[in-house]
């Protein structure tokens, strides 16, 4: 499977195998194994935490639900768990803007430019079906290259949980 197939499927469905916004963390680790623990996203609290399976990065809320999903695509090769990448685990990357747009169009996945993340040396588009965001770096004198693809969080609120569950 090619990385564009993986990203296009995610853009259409909002999922990557067992990974989706709001997925139970225990279900994800049962399916994919133990990830790299990148660390906390706050200096003062243990949660939310950032975990990674190669270039698949997941933010996990204190309620142990996946709250943000992204795939770092700025490297020459993207590493994904083989069970969700549909192959050996490493896929060539460095995707150009026209290739991503063509893949989305071919898959029947509507998209539009995303103005909030389009400025300076970057541009962005959003897939209508899932809200998936594709952000491109624009190297001087070159076509935009995909830097990251992210699925939006589900907007859940853990404020009902007690403060001691946060530490």
C-alpha atoms as a PDB file:
ATOM      1  CA  UNK A   1       0.000   0.000   0.000  1.00  0.00           C
ATOM      2  CA  UNK A   2       1.207   3.518  -0.758  1.00  0.00           C
ATOM      3  CA  UNK A   3       1.226   6.329   1.814  1.00  0.00           C
ATOM      4  CA  UNK A   4      -1.256   8.283  -0.342  1.00  0.00           C
ATOM      5  CA  UNK A   5      -3.696   5.356  -0.091  1.00  0.00           C
ATOM      6  CA  UNK A   6      -3.364   5.377   3.695  1.00  0.00           C
ATOM      7  CA  UNK A   7      -3.848   9.151   3.971  1.00  0.00           C
ATOM      8  CA  UNK A   8      -6.760   9.207   1.520  1.00  0.00           C
ATOM      9  CA  UNK A   9      -8.534   6.439   3.420  1.00  0.00           C
ATOM     10  CA  UNK A  10      -8.016   8.336   6.672  1.00  0.00           C
ATOM     11  CA  UNK A  11      -9.371  11.520   5.073  1.00  0.00           C
ATOM     12  CA  UNK A  12     -12.510   9.692   3.930  1.00  0.00           C
ATOM     13  CA  UNK A  13     -13.187   7.683   7.100  1.00  0.00           C
ATOM     14  CA  UNK A  14     -11.532   9.565   9.962  1.00  0.00           C
ATOM     15  CA  UNK A  15      -9.824   6.310  10.995  1.00  0.00           C
ATOM     16  CA  UNK A  16      -6.590   4.397  10.680  1.00  0.00           C
ATOM     17  CA  UNK A  17      -7.503   0.857  11.684  1.00  0.00           C
ATOM     18  CA  UNK A  18      -8.294   0.946  15.422  1.00  0.00           C
ATOM     19  CA  UNK A  19      -7.171   4.578  15.689  1.00  0.00           C
ATOM     20  CA  UNK A  20      -9.783   7.341  15.581  1.00  0.00           C
ATOM     21  CA  UNK A  21     -10.630  10.403  17.642  1.00  0.00           C
ATOM     22  CA  UNK A  22     -12.264   9.198  20.823  1.00  0.00           C
ATOM     23  CA  UNK A  23     -10.867   5.652  20.571  1.00  0.00           C
ATOM     24  CA  UNK A  24     -10.237   3.937  23.888  1.00  0.00           C
ATOM     25  CA  UNK A  25      -6.487   3.844  24.555  1.00  0.00           C
ATOM     26  CA  UNK A  26      -6.653   0.243  25.790  1.00  0.00           C
ATOM     27  CA  UNK A  27      -8.193  -0.825  22.459  1.00  0.00           C
ATOM     28  CA  UNK A  28      -5.460   0.959  20.513  1.00  0.00           C
ATOM     29  CA  UNK A  29      -2.608  -0.587  22.493  1.00  0.00           C
ATOM     30  CA  UNK A  30      -4.272  -4.027  22.352  1.00  0.00           C
ATOM     31  CA  UNK A  31      -4.316  -3.769  18.547  1.00  0.00           C
ATOM     32  CA  UNK A  32      -0.987  -2.009  17.910  1.00  0.00           C
ATOM     33  CA  UNK A  33       1.144  -2.896  20.918  1.00  0.00           C
ATOM     34  CA  UNK A  34       2.974  -0.529  23.204  1.00  0.00           C
ATOM     35  CA  UNK A  35       3.962   2.810  21.650  1.00  0.00           C
ATOM     36  CA  UNK A  36       6.851   5.131  22.321  1.00  0.00           C
ATOM     37  CA  UNK A  37       5.886   7.455  25.164  1.00  0.00           C
ATOM     38  CA  UNK A  38       6.997  10.861  23.910  1.00  0.00           C
ATOM     39  CA  UNK A  39       5.911  12.538  27.112  1.00  0.00           C
ATOM     40  CA  UNK A  40       3.521  14.979  28.616  1.00  0.00           C
ATOM     41  CA  UNK A  41       2.100  17.897  26.695  1.00  0.00           C
ATOM     42  CA  UNK A  42       2.125  20.115  29.786  1.00  0.00           C
ATOM     43  CA  UNK A  43       4.844  20.923  32.282  1.00  0.00           C
ATOM     44  CA  UNK A  44       2.499  20.689  35.231  1.00  0.00           C
ATOM     45  CA  UNK A  45       0.473  17.571  34.487  1.00  0.00           C
ATOM     46  CA  UNK A  46       0.961  13.965  33.445  1.00  0.00           C
ATOM     47  CA  UNK A  47      -1.935  14.093  30.951  1.00  0.00           C
ATOM     48  CA  UNK A  48      -2.543  14.610  28.097  1.00  0.00           C
ATOM     49  CA  UNK A  49       0.408  12.590  26.793  1.00  0.00           C
ATOM     50  CA  UNK A  50       1.888  12.174  23.346  1.00  0.00           C
ATOM     51  CA  UNK A  51       2.584   8.649  22.102  1.00  0.00           C
ATOM     52  CA  UNK A  52       4.041   7.472  18.799  1.00  0.00           C
ATOM     53  CA  UNK A  53       4.076   4.420  16.599  1.00  0.00           C
ATOM     54  CA  UNK A  54       6.833   5.570  14.272  1.00  0.00           C
ATOM     55  CA  UNK A  55       5.457   8.640  12.463  1.00  0.00           C
ATOM     56  CA  UNK A  56       1.903   8.071  13.725  1.00  0.00           C
ATOM     57  CA  UNK A  57       1.521  10.372  16.726  1.00  0.00           C
ATOM     58  CA  UNK A  58      -1.409  10.227  19.130  1.00  0.00           C
ATOM     59  CA  UNK A  59      -2.378  12.597  21.890  1.00  0.00           C
ATOM     60  CA  UNK A  60      -4.163  10.745  24.668  1.00  0.00           C
ATOM     61  CA  UNK A  61      -6.345  12.554  27.171  1.00  0.00           C
ATOM     62  CA  UNK A  62      -6.391  11.856  30.893  1.00  0.00           C
ATOM     63  CA  UNK A  63      -9.606   9.873  30.377  1.00  0.00           C
ATOM     64  CA  UNK A  64      -7.493   7.532  28.170  1.00  0.00           C
ATOM     65  CA  UNK A  65      -9.220   8.471  24.928  1.00  0.00           C
ATOM     66  CA  UNK A  66      -7.344   9.394  21.749  1.00  0.00           C
ATOM     67  CA  UNK A  67      -7.805  13.140  21.362  1.00  0.00           C
ATOM     68  CA  UNK A  68      -5.616  13.955  18.343  1.00  0.00           C
ATOM     69  CA  UNK A  69      -4.044  11.938  15.526  1.00  0.00           C
ATOM     70  CA  UNK A  70      -1.319  12.995  13.126  1.00  0.00           C
ATOM     71  CA  UNK A  71       1.106  11.431  10.714  1.00  0.00           C
ATOM     72  CA  UNK A  72       4.411  13.210  10.229  1.00  0.00           C
ATOM     73  CA  UNK A  73       5.070  13.101   6.478  1.00  0.00           C
ATOM     74  CA  UNK A  74       7.980  15.511   6.132  1.00  0.00           C
ATOM     75  CA  UNK A  75      10.591  12.736   6.151  1.00  0.00           C
ATOM     76  CA  UNK A  76      11.680  10.808   3.055  1.00  0.00           C
ATOM     77  CA  UNK A  77      10.131   7.643   4.519  1.00  0.00           C
ATOM     78  CA  UNK A  78       7.089   7.390   6.807  1.00  0.00           C
ATOM     79  CA  UNK A  79       7.006   4.626   9.413  1.00  0.00           C
ATOM     80  CA  UNK A  80       3.609   3.227  10.410  1.00  0.00           C
ATOM     81  CA  UNK A  81       2.600   0.082  12.265  1.00  0.00           C
ATOM     82  CA  UNK A  82       2.447  -2.652   9.570  1.00  0.00           C
ATOM     83  CA  UNK A  83      -1.075  -3.642  10.637  1.00  0.00           C
ATOM     84  CA  UNK A  84      -2.442  -0.185   9.705  1.00  0.00           C
ATOM     85  CA  UNK A  85       0.019   0.813   6.976  1.00  0.00           C
ATOM     86  CA  UNK A  86      -0.867  -2.207   4.894  1.00  0.00           C
ATOM     87  CA  UNK A  87       2.739  -3.102   4.215  1.00  0.00           C
ATOM     88  CA  UNK A  88       6.214  -3.480   5.608  1.00  0.00           C
ATOM     89  CA  UNK A  89       5.840  -0.488   7.927  1.00  0.00           C
ATOM     90  CA  UNK A  90       7.900   2.053   5.985  1.00  0.00           C
ATOM     91  CA  UNK A  91       6.465   3.962   3.065  1.00  0.00           C
ATOM     92  CA  UNK A  92       8.129   6.524   0.755  1.00  0.00           C
ATOM     93  CA  UNK A  93       6.876  10.031   1.442  1.00  0.00           C
ATOM     94  CA  UNK A  94       7.799  13.583   0.333  1.00  0.00           C
ATOM     95  CA  UNK A  95       4.345  14.001  -1.202  1.00  0.00           C
ATOM     96  CA  UNK A  96       3.718  17.006  -3.439  1.00  0.00           C
ATOM     97  CA  UNK A  97       0.524  19.072  -3.242  1.00  0.00           C
ATOM     98  CA  UNK A  98      -0.740  18.086  -6.744  1.00  0.00           C
ATOM     99  CA  UNK A  99      -0.328  14.375  -5.899  1.00  0.00           C
ATOM    100  CA  UNK A 100      -2.330  14.690  -2.666  1.00  0.00           C
ATOM    101  CA  UNK A 101      -5.076  16.693  -4.387  1.00  0.00           C
ATOM    102  CA  UNK A 102      -5.236  14.181  -7.244  1.00  0.00           C
ATOM    103  CA  UNK A 103      -5.462  11.235  -4.819  1.00  0.00           C
ATOM    104  CA  UNK A 104      -8.279  12.900  -2.867  1.00  0.00           C
ATOM    105  CA  UNK A 105     -10.147  13.747  -6.082  1.00  0.00           C
ATOM    106  CA  UNK A 106      -9.707  10.211  -7.462  1.00  0.00           C
ATOM    107  CA  UNK A 107     -11.045   8.761  -4.194  1.00  0.00           C
ATOM    108  CA  UNK A 108     -14.075  11.059  -4.327  1.00  0.00           C
ATOM    109  CA  UNK A 109     -12.978  12.822  -1.144  1.00  0.00           C
ATOM    110  CA  UNK A 110     -14.047  16.465  -1.335  1.00  0.00           C
ATOM    111  CA  UNK A 111     -11.622  19.034   0.032  1.00  0.00           C
ATOM    112  CA  UNK A 112     -11.123  22.776   0.234  1.00  0.00           C
ATOM    113  CA  UNK A 113      -8.267  25.143   1.053  1.00  0.00           C
ATOM    114  CA  UNK A 114      -7.888  25.727   4.791  1.00  0.00           C
ATOM    115  CA  UNK A 115      -7.178  29.415   5.339  1.00  0.00           C
ATOM    116  CA  UNK A 116      -6.324  29.314   9.094  1.00  0.00           C
ATOM    117  CA  UNK A 117      -3.171  27.273   8.364  1.00  0.00           C
ATOM    118  CA  UNK A 118      -2.278  28.940   5.064  1.00  0.00           C
ATOM    119  CA  UNK A 119       0.295  31.692   5.521  1.00  0.00           C
ATOM    120  CA  UNK A 120       3.931  32.453   4.831  1.00  0.00           C
ATOM    121  CA  UNK A 121       5.743  29.350   3.617  1.00  0.00           C
ATOM    122  CA  UNK A 122       2.915  26.888   4.225  1.00  0.00           C
ATOM    123  CA  UNK A 123      -0.511  26.070   2.832  1.00  0.00           C
ATOM    124  CA  UNK A 124      -3.217  23.746   4.027  1.00  0.00           C
ATOM    125  CA  UNK A 125      -6.332  21.939   2.890  1.00  0.00           C
ATOM    126  CA  UNK A 126      -9.091  20.118   4.733  1.00  0.00           C
ATOM    127  CA  UNK A 127     -11.026  17.013   3.699  1.00  0.00           C
ATOM    128  CA  UNK A 128     -14.735  17.714   4.097  1.00  0.00           C
ATOM    129  CA  UNK A 129     -15.760  14.163   5.135  1.00  0.00           C
ATOM    130  CA  UNK A 130     -13.539  13.872   8.212  1.00  0.00           C
ATOM    131  CA  UNK A 131     -12.034  17.296   8.816  1.00  0.00           C
ATOM    132  CA  UNK A 132      -8.609  15.796   8.094  1.00  0.00           C
ATOM    133  CA  UNK A 133      -6.052  18.539   7.632  1.00  0.00           C
ATOM    134  CA  UNK A 134      -3.143  18.346   5.204  1.00  0.00           C
ATOM    135  CA  UNK A 135      -0.481  20.983   5.861  1.00  0.00           C
ATOM    136  CA  UNK A 136       2.244  21.596   3.282  1.00  0.00           C
ATOM    137  CA  UNK A 137       5.601  23.307   3.547  1.00  0.00           C
ATOM    138  CA  UNK A 138       6.465  25.475   0.534  1.00  0.00           C
ATOM    139  CA  UNK A 139      10.222  25.279  -0.071  1.00  0.00           C
ATOM    140  CA  UNK A 140      11.537  28.293  -1.952  1.00  0.00           C
ATOM    141  CA  UNK A 141      11.090  27.814  -5.700  1.00  0.00           C
ATOM    142  CA  UNK A 142       9.450  24.375  -5.321  1.00  0.00           C
ATOM    143  CA  UNK A 143       5.998  22.818  -5.166  1.00  0.00           C
ATOM    144  CA  UNK A 144       4.453  22.466  -1.699  1.00  0.00           C
ATOM    145  CA  UNK A 145       5.459  19.234   0.109  1.00  0.00           C
ATOM    146  CA  UNK A 146       3.188  17.544   2.647  1.00  0.00           C
ATOM    147  CA  UNK A 147       4.533  18.126   6.143  1.00  0.00           C
ATOM    148  CA  UNK A 148       1.791  16.592   8.310  1.00  0.00           C
ATOM    149  CA  UNK A 149      -1.685  15.110   8.046  1.00  0.00           C
ATOM    150  CA  UNK A 150      -3.902  15.312  11.099  1.00  0.00           C
ATOM    151  CA  UNK A 151      -7.364  14.197  12.105  1.00  0.00           C
ATOM    152  CA  UNK A 152      -9.225  16.596  14.386  1.00  0.00           C
ATOM    153  CA  UNK A 153     -10.035  15.778  17.968  1.00  0.00           C
ATOM    154  CA  UNK A 154     -13.548  14.822  18.982  1.00  0.00           C
ATOM    155  CA  UNK A 155     -13.948  17.826  21.289  1.00  0.00           C
ATOM    156  CA  UNK A 156     -14.726  15.781  24.384  1.00  0.00           C
ATOM    157  CA  UNK A 157     -14.434  17.444  27.774  1.00  0.00           C
ATOM    158  CA  UNK A 158     -12.850  15.718  30.748  1.00  0.00           C
ATOM    159  CA  UNK A 159     -13.605  18.581  33.153  1.00  0.00           C
ATOM    160  CA  UNK A 160     -16.147  16.406  34.949  1.00  0.00           C
ATOM    161  CA  UNK A 161     -13.324  14.197  36.225  1.00  0.00           C
ATOM    162  CA  UNK A 162     -11.724  15.052  39.550  1.00  0.00           C
ATOM    163  CA  UNK A 163      -8.407  16.869  39.731  1.00  0.00           C
ATOM    164  CA  UNK A 164      -6.643  13.921  41.398  1.00  0.00           C
ATOM    165  CA  UNK A 165      -7.286  11.776  38.314  1.00  0.00           C
ATOM    166  CA  UNK A 166      -5.220  14.268  36.360  1.00  0.00           C
ATOM    167  CA  UNK A 167      -2.017  13.704  38.315  1.00  0.00           C
END
